[in-house]
Amino acid sequence: MNHKEGHLGKFRRFPLGMLAFIFTLKVLSEKPTHGYQLAEEISKKLGKEVPRPMIYNILKHLEERGFATSKWEFGESGPARKIYYITEEGQEALKRKIERIRKFKELLEKILE
């Protein structure tokens, strides 16, 4: 396991936080986005409201670990928005997490047989 993945902190302890963490990487792998839009998309995918502070904490964590980067976007109307991008390291971490989920799913299916 990559040492950076081992430091999920509070996100590892709570199912919603861990799911939001993985979904954040997944959404960023599909397209760069800003925090508010990310929170909306993740809440929709999970079928449960995800607190925005949790999403911003996850984004901060992803940047600290090198899994994401950001830059400010200044539009002609409205406030500036911080746009988040997944890094190559983040893409690799997402692939590893998805593979672990697939293996776990196989085990769960055996239990449910």
N, C-alpha and C. Protein backbone atom coordinates (compact mmCIF):
# COMPACT_ATOMS: atom_id res chain seq x y z
N MET A 1 0.85 -1.18 0.00
CA MET A 1 0.00 0.00 0.00
C MET A 1 0.88 1.24 0.00
N ASN A 2 0.55 2.17 -0.81
CA ASN A 2 1.25 3.44 -0.89
C ASN A 2 1.08 4.16 0.45
N HIS A 3 2.15 4.71 1.01
CA HIS A 3 2.06 5.36 2.31
C HIS A 3 1.06 6.51 2.31
N LYS A 4 0.88 7.16 1.19
CA LYS A 4 -0.07 8.27 1.13
C LYS A 4 -1.50 7.78 1.26
N GLU A 5 -1.79 6.59 0.74
CA GLU A 5 -3.14 6.04 0.84
C GLU A 5 -3.44 5.61 2.27
N GLY A 6 -2.42 5.30 3.02
CA GLY A 6 -2.62 4.83 4.38
C GLY A 6 -3.00 5.93 5.35
N HIS A 7 -3.01 7.15 4.92
CA HIS A 7 -3.28 8.28 5.80
C HIS A 7 -4.60 8.94 5.44
N LEU A 8 -5.67 8.16 5.41
CA LEU A 8 -6.98 8.73 5.08
C LEU A 8 -7.62 9.38 6.30
N GLY A 9 -7.02 9.19 7.45
CA GLY A 9 -7.52 9.84 8.64
C GLY A 9 -8.99 9.56 8.90
N LYS A 10 -9.73 10.61 9.21
CA LYS A 10 -11.15 10.46 9.58
C LYS A 10 -11.99 9.92 8.44
N PHE A 11 -11.55 10.05 7.19
CA PHE A 11 -12.34 9.57 6.07
C PHE A 11 -12.41 8.05 6.06
N ARG A 12 -11.42 7.37 6.60
CA ARG A 12 -11.41 5.91 6.63
C ARG A 12 -12.39 5.39 7.67
N ARG A 13 -12.63 6.12 8.73
CA ARG A 13 -13.43 5.63 9.85
C ARG A 13 -14.92 5.60 9.58
N PHE A 14 -15.41 6.41 8.71
CA PHE A 14 -16.85 6.53 8.50
C PHE A 14 -17.20 6.09 7.09
N PRO A 15 -18.19 5.19 6.95
CA PRO A 15 -18.57 4.73 5.60
C PRO A 15 -18.89 5.88 4.64
N LEU A 16 -19.66 6.87 5.09
CA LEU A 16 -20.00 7.98 4.20
C LEU A 16 -18.74 8.72 3.78
N GLY A 17 -17.85 8.97 4.71
CA GLY A 17 -16.61 9.68 4.39
C GLY A 17 -15.73 8.91 3.42
N MET A 18 -15.63 7.60 3.63
CA MET A 18 -14.81 6.79 2.74
C MET A 18 -15.42 6.73 1.35
N LEU A 19 -16.75 6.56 1.28
CA LEU A 19 -17.41 6.55 -0.02
C LEU A 19 -17.26 7.90 -0.71
N ALA A 20 -17.41 8.97 0.05
CA ALA A 20 -17.26 10.31 -0.53
C ALA A 20 -15.83 10.52 -1.02
N PHE A 21 -14.87 9.98 -0.29
CA PHE A 21 -13.46 10.09 -0.69
C PHE A 21 -13.24 9.42 -2.05
N ILE A 22 -13.75 8.19 -2.20
CA ILE A 22 -13.58 7.45 -3.45
C ILE A 22 -14.36 8.12 -4.58
N PHE A 23 -15.60 8.55 -4.29
CA PHE A 23 -16.39 9.22 -5.32
C PHE A 23 -15.75 10.53 -5.75
N THR A 24 -15.09 11.22 -4.84
CA THR A 24 -14.41 12.46 -5.20
C THR A 24 -13.32 12.17 -6.24
N LEU A 25 -12.52 11.15 -5.99
CA LEU A 25 -11.51 10.76 -6.98
C LEU A 25 -12.16 10.37 -8.29
N LYS A 26 -13.25 9.61 -8.21
CA LYS A 26 -13.94 9.13 -9.42
C LYS A 26 -14.47 10.30 -10.25
N VAL A 27 -15.15 11.24 -9.60
CA VAL A 27 -15.71 12.39 -10.33
C VAL A 27 -14.59 13.23 -10.93
N LEU A 28 -13.52 13.46 -10.17
CA LEU A 28 -12.39 14.23 -10.70
C LEU A 28 -11.72 13.52 -11.87
N SER A 29 -11.78 12.19 -11.88
CA SER A 29 -11.19 11.45 -13.01
C SER A 29 -12.01 11.64 -14.28
N GLU A 30 -13.28 11.99 -14.13
CA GLU A 30 -14.16 12.21 -15.28
C GLU A 30 -14.05 13.62 -15.82
N LYS A 31 -13.86 14.60 -14.92
CA LYS A 31 -13.74 15.99 -15.35
C LYS A 31 -13.30 16.87 -14.19
N PRO A 32 -12.53 17.91 -14.47
CA PRO A 32 -12.18 18.87 -13.43
C PRO A 32 -13.46 19.59 -12.98
N THR A 33 -13.53 19.94 -11.73
CA THR A 33 -14.74 20.59 -11.23
C THR A 33 -14.43 21.39 -9.97
N HIS A 34 -15.40 22.20 -9.56
CA HIS A 34 -15.24 22.99 -8.33
C HIS A 34 -15.98 22.30 -7.19
N GLY A 35 -15.69 22.69 -5.98
CA GLY A 35 -16.19 22.01 -4.80
C GLY A 35 -17.70 21.90 -4.70
N TYR A 36 -18.41 22.99 -4.98
CA TYR A 36 -19.88 22.96 -4.86
C TYR A 36 -20.47 21.95 -5.83
N GLN A 37 -20.03 21.98 -7.08
CA GLN A 37 -20.54 21.05 -8.09
C GLN A 37 -20.17 19.61 -7.71
N LEU A 38 -18.99 19.42 -7.20
CA LEU A 38 -18.54 18.11 -6.77
C LEU A 38 -19.44 17.56 -5.66
N ALA A 39 -19.75 18.40 -4.68
CA ALA A 39 -20.63 17.98 -3.58
C ALA A 39 -22.00 17.58 -4.11
N GLU A 40 -22.53 18.33 -5.07
CA GLU A 40 -23.83 18.01 -5.66
C GLU A 40 -23.78 16.66 -6.38
N GLU A 41 -22.76 16.44 -7.18
CA GLU A 41 -22.65 15.20 -7.94
C GLU A 41 -22.47 13.99 -7.03
N ILE A 42 -21.65 14.13 -6.01
CA ILE A 42 -21.41 13.02 -5.09
C ILE A 42 -22.68 12.70 -4.31
N SER A 43 -23.38 13.73 -3.84
CA SER A 43 -24.63 13.51 -3.12
C SER A 43 -25.63 12.77 -4.00
N LYS A 44 -25.69 13.16 -5.27
CA LYS A 44 -26.61 12.50 -6.20
C LYS A 44 -26.21 11.04 -6.41
N LYS A 45 -24.92 10.78 -6.60
CA LYS A 45 -24.45 9.41 -6.83
C LYS A 45 -24.68 8.52 -5.60
N LEU A 46 -24.48 9.07 -4.41
CA LEU A 46 -24.65 8.29 -3.19
C LEU A 46 -26.11 8.20 -2.75
N GLY A 47 -26.95 9.10 -3.27
CA GLY A 47 -28.34 9.12 -2.84
C GLY A 47 -28.49 9.62 -1.42
N LYS A 48 -27.53 10.38 -0.97
CA LYS A 48 -27.51 10.91 0.40
C LYS A 48 -26.75 12.23 0.38
N GLU A 49 -27.27 13.19 1.12
CA GLU A 49 -26.61 14.49 1.19
C GLU A 49 -25.25 14.35 1.86
N VAL A 50 -24.22 14.78 1.18
CA VAL A 50 -22.87 14.77 1.73
C VAL A 50 -22.55 16.19 2.16
N PRO A 51 -22.19 16.39 3.42
CA PRO A 51 -21.90 17.75 3.89
C PRO A 51 -20.77 18.39 3.08
N ARG A 52 -20.99 19.62 2.66
CA ARG A 52 -19.97 20.32 1.87
C ARG A 52 -18.63 20.44 2.60
N PRO A 53 -18.65 20.70 3.92
CA PRO A 53 -17.35 20.76 4.61
C PRO A 53 -16.57 19.45 4.47
N MET A 54 -17.28 18.32 4.44
CA MET A 54 -16.60 17.04 4.26
C MET A 54 -15.91 17.00 2.90
N ILE A 55 -16.60 17.46 1.86
CA ILE A 55 -16.03 17.46 0.51
C ILE A 55 -14.80 18.35 0.46
N TYR A 56 -14.89 19.54 1.06
CA TYR A 56 -13.74 20.45 1.04
C TYR A 56 -12.56 19.87 1.84
N ASN A 57 -12.86 19.17 2.93
CA ASN A 57 -11.78 18.50 3.68
C ASN A 57 -11.14 17.40 2.85
N ILE A 58 -11.97 16.65 2.12
CA ILE A 58 -11.43 15.60 1.25
C ILE A 58 -10.56 16.21 0.16
N LEU A 59 -11.02 17.29 -0.45
CA LEU A 59 -10.24 17.96 -1.50
C LEU A 59 -8.90 18.45 -0.95
N LYS A 60 -8.92 19.02 0.23
CA LYS A 60 -7.67 19.48 0.86
C LYS A 60 -6.74 18.29 1.08
N HIS A 61 -7.30 17.20 1.58
CA HIS A 61 -6.53 15.99 1.82
C HIS A 61 -5.94 15.45 0.52
N LEU A 62 -6.74 15.42 -0.55
CA LEU A 62 -6.25 14.93 -1.85
C LEU A 62 -5.09 15.78 -2.35
N GLU A 63 -5.20 17.10 -2.17
CA GLU A 63 -4.10 17.98 -2.60
C GLU A 63 -2.84 17.73 -1.77
N GLU A 64 -3.01 17.58 -0.45
CA GLU A 64 -1.87 17.34 0.42
C GLU A 64 -1.15 16.04 0.06
N ARG A 65 -1.88 15.05 -0.38
CA ARG A 65 -1.32 13.74 -0.73
C ARG A 65 -0.84 13.67 -2.18
N GLY A 66 -1.07 14.73 -2.95
CA GLY A 66 -0.63 14.74 -4.33
C GLY A 66 -1.57 14.03 -5.29
N PHE A 67 -2.79 13.71 -4.82
CA PHE A 67 -3.78 13.03 -5.67
C PHE A 67 -4.60 14.01 -6.49
N ALA A 68 -4.57 15.27 -6.13
CA ALA A 68 -5.32 16.30 -6.86
C ALA A 68 -4.53 17.60 -6.80
N THR A 69 -4.87 18.47 -7.71
CA THR A 69 -4.30 19.82 -7.74
C THR A 69 -5.44 20.77 -8.06
N SER A 70 -5.21 22.05 -7.89
CA SER A 70 -6.29 23.01 -8.15
C SER A 70 -5.72 24.30 -8.72
N LYS A 71 -6.62 25.06 -9.33
CA LYS A 71 -6.25 26.40 -9.76
C LYS A 71 -7.52 27.25 -9.73
N TRP A 72 -7.32 28.55 -9.56
CA TRP A 72 -8.45 29.47 -9.51
C TRP A 72 -8.90 29.81 -10.92
N GLU A 73 -10.20 29.82 -11.11
CA GLU A 73 -10.81 30.20 -12.39
C GLU A 73 -11.58 31.50 -12.16
N PHE A 74 -11.25 32.50 -12.95
CA PHE A 74 -11.90 33.80 -12.83
C PHE A 74 -12.81 34.00 -14.03
N GLY A 75 -14.11 34.11 -13.76
CA GLY A 75 -15.07 34.33 -14.83
C GLY A 75 -15.45 35.80 -14.91
N GLU A 76 -16.16 36.14 -15.97
CA GLU A 76 -16.60 37.53 -16.12
C GLU A 76 -17.72 37.87 -15.15
N SER A 77 -18.51 36.87 -14.80
CA SER A 77 -19.58 37.12 -13.83
C SER A 77 -19.44 36.12 -12.69
N GLY A 78 -19.78 36.54 -11.51
CA GLY A 78 -19.71 35.66 -10.36
C GLY A 78 -18.32 35.62 -9.75
N PRO A 79 -18.24 34.99 -8.59
CA PRO A 79 -16.96 34.92 -7.89
C PRO A 79 -16.00 33.93 -8.54
N ALA A 80 -14.74 34.06 -8.20
CA ALA A 80 -13.72 33.11 -8.67
C ALA A 80 -14.02 31.75 -8.05
N ARG A 81 -13.69 30.69 -8.80
CA ARG A 81 -13.92 29.34 -8.30
C ARG A 81 -12.61 28.56 -8.37
N LYS A 82 -12.41 27.75 -7.37
CA LYS A 82 -11.23 26.89 -7.34
C LYS A 82 -11.61 25.58 -8.05
N ILE A 83 -10.94 25.29 -9.14
CA ILE A 83 -11.22 24.09 -9.93
C ILE A 83 -10.19 23.02 -9.56
N TYR A 84 -10.68 21.82 -9.31
CA TYR A 84 -9.84 20.70 -8.89
C TYR A 84 -9.63 19.72 -10.04
N TYR A 85 -8.42 19.19 -10.13
CA TYR A 85 -8.02 18.25 -11.17
C TYR A 85 -7.37 17.04 -10.50
N ILE A 86 -7.65 15.86 -11.01
CA ILE A 86 -6.97 14.67 -10.49
C ILE A 86 -5.58 14.60 -11.12
N THR A 87 -4.60 14.16 -10.35
CA THR A 87 -3.24 14.00 -10.86
C THR A 87 -3.06 12.55 -11.34
N GLU A 88 -1.93 12.30 -11.97
CA GLU A 88 -1.62 10.94 -12.39
C GLU A 88 -1.55 10.01 -11.18
N GLU A 89 -0.97 10.51 -10.10
CA GLU A 89 -0.89 9.72 -8.87
C GLU A 89 -2.30 9.44 -8.32
N GLY A 90 -3.18 10.43 -8.45
CA GLY A 90 -4.57 10.24 -8.04
C GLY A 90 -5.28 9.20 -8.89
N GLN A 91 -5.00 9.21 -10.19
CA GLN A 91 -5.58 8.21 -11.10
C GLN A 91 -5.14 6.80 -10.68
N GLU A 92 -3.87 6.66 -10.37
CA GLU A 92 -3.35 5.35 -9.96
C GLU A 92 -3.98 4.92 -8.63
N ALA A 93 -4.10 5.84 -7.70
CA ALA A 93 -4.73 5.52 -6.41
C ALA A 93 -6.17 5.08 -6.62
N LEU A 94 -6.89 5.75 -7.50
CA LEU A 94 -8.28 5.38 -7.79
C LEU A 94 -8.34 3.98 -8.37
N LYS A 95 -7.47 3.66 -9.29
CA LYS A 95 -7.45 2.31 -9.88
C LYS A 95 -7.24 1.25 -8.80
N ARG A 96 -6.30 1.51 -7.88
CA ARG A 96 -6.03 0.55 -6.81
C ARG A 96 -7.24 0.40 -5.89
N LYS A 97 -7.89 1.52 -5.58
CA LYS A 97 -9.06 1.46 -4.70
C LYS A 97 -10.21 0.71 -5.37
N ILE A 98 -10.42 0.94 -6.64
CA ILE A 98 -11.49 0.24 -7.36
C ILE A 98 -11.20 -1.26 -7.40
N GLU A 99 -9.96 -1.63 -7.60
CA GLU A 99 -9.60 -3.05 -7.61
C GLU A 99 -9.87 -3.69 -6.25
N ARG A 100 -9.55 -2.99 -5.17
CA ARG A 100 -9.83 -3.51 -3.83
C ARG A 100 -11.33 -3.67 -3.61
N ILE A 101 -12.10 -2.70 -4.10
CA ILE A 101 -13.55 -2.78 -3.97
C ILE A 101 -14.09 -3.98 -4.74
N ARG A 102 -13.58 -4.23 -5.92
CA ARG A 102 -14.01 -5.40 -6.70
C ARG A 102 -13.73 -6.70 -5.95
N LYS A 103 -12.55 -6.81 -5.36
CA LYS A 103 -12.20 -8.01 -4.59
C LYS A 103 -13.11 -8.16 -3.38
N PHE A 104 -13.38 -7.06 -2.70
CA PHE A 104 -14.26 -7.08 -1.54
C PHE A 104 -15.68 -7.48 -1.96
N LYS A 105 -16.12 -6.98 -3.09
CA LYS A 105 -17.45 -7.32 -3.61
C LYS A 105 -17.55 -8.82 -3.87
N GLU A 106 -16.50 -9.42 -4.43
CA GLU A 106 -16.49 -10.86 -4.67
C GLU A 106 -16.64 -11.63 -3.36
N LEU A 107 -15.95 -11.18 -2.32
CA LEU A 107 -16.07 -11.83 -1.02
C LEU A 107 -17.49 -11.69 -0.46
N LEU A 108 -18.06 -10.50 -0.58
CA LEU A 108 -19.42 -10.29 -0.10
C LEU A 108 -20.41 -11.18 -0.85
N GLU A 109 -20.22 -11.34 -2.14
CA GLU A 109 -21.11 -12.19 -2.93
C GLU A 109 -21.04 -13.64 -2.45
N LYS A 110 -19.86 -14.10 -2.06
CA LYS A 110 -19.72 -15.46 -1.52
C LYS A 110 -20.47 -15.60 -0.20
N ILE A 111 -20.41 -14.57 0.61
CA ILE A 111 -21.13 -14.60 1.88
C ILE A 111 -22.64 -14.66 1.64
N LEU A 112 -23.10 -13.95 0.63
CA LEU A 112 -24.54 -13.85 0.37
C LEU A 112 -25.10 -15.04 -0.42
N GLU A 113 -24.25 -15.96 -0.87
CA GLU A 113 -24.72 -17.13 -1.64
C GLU A 113 -25.56 -18.04 -0.79
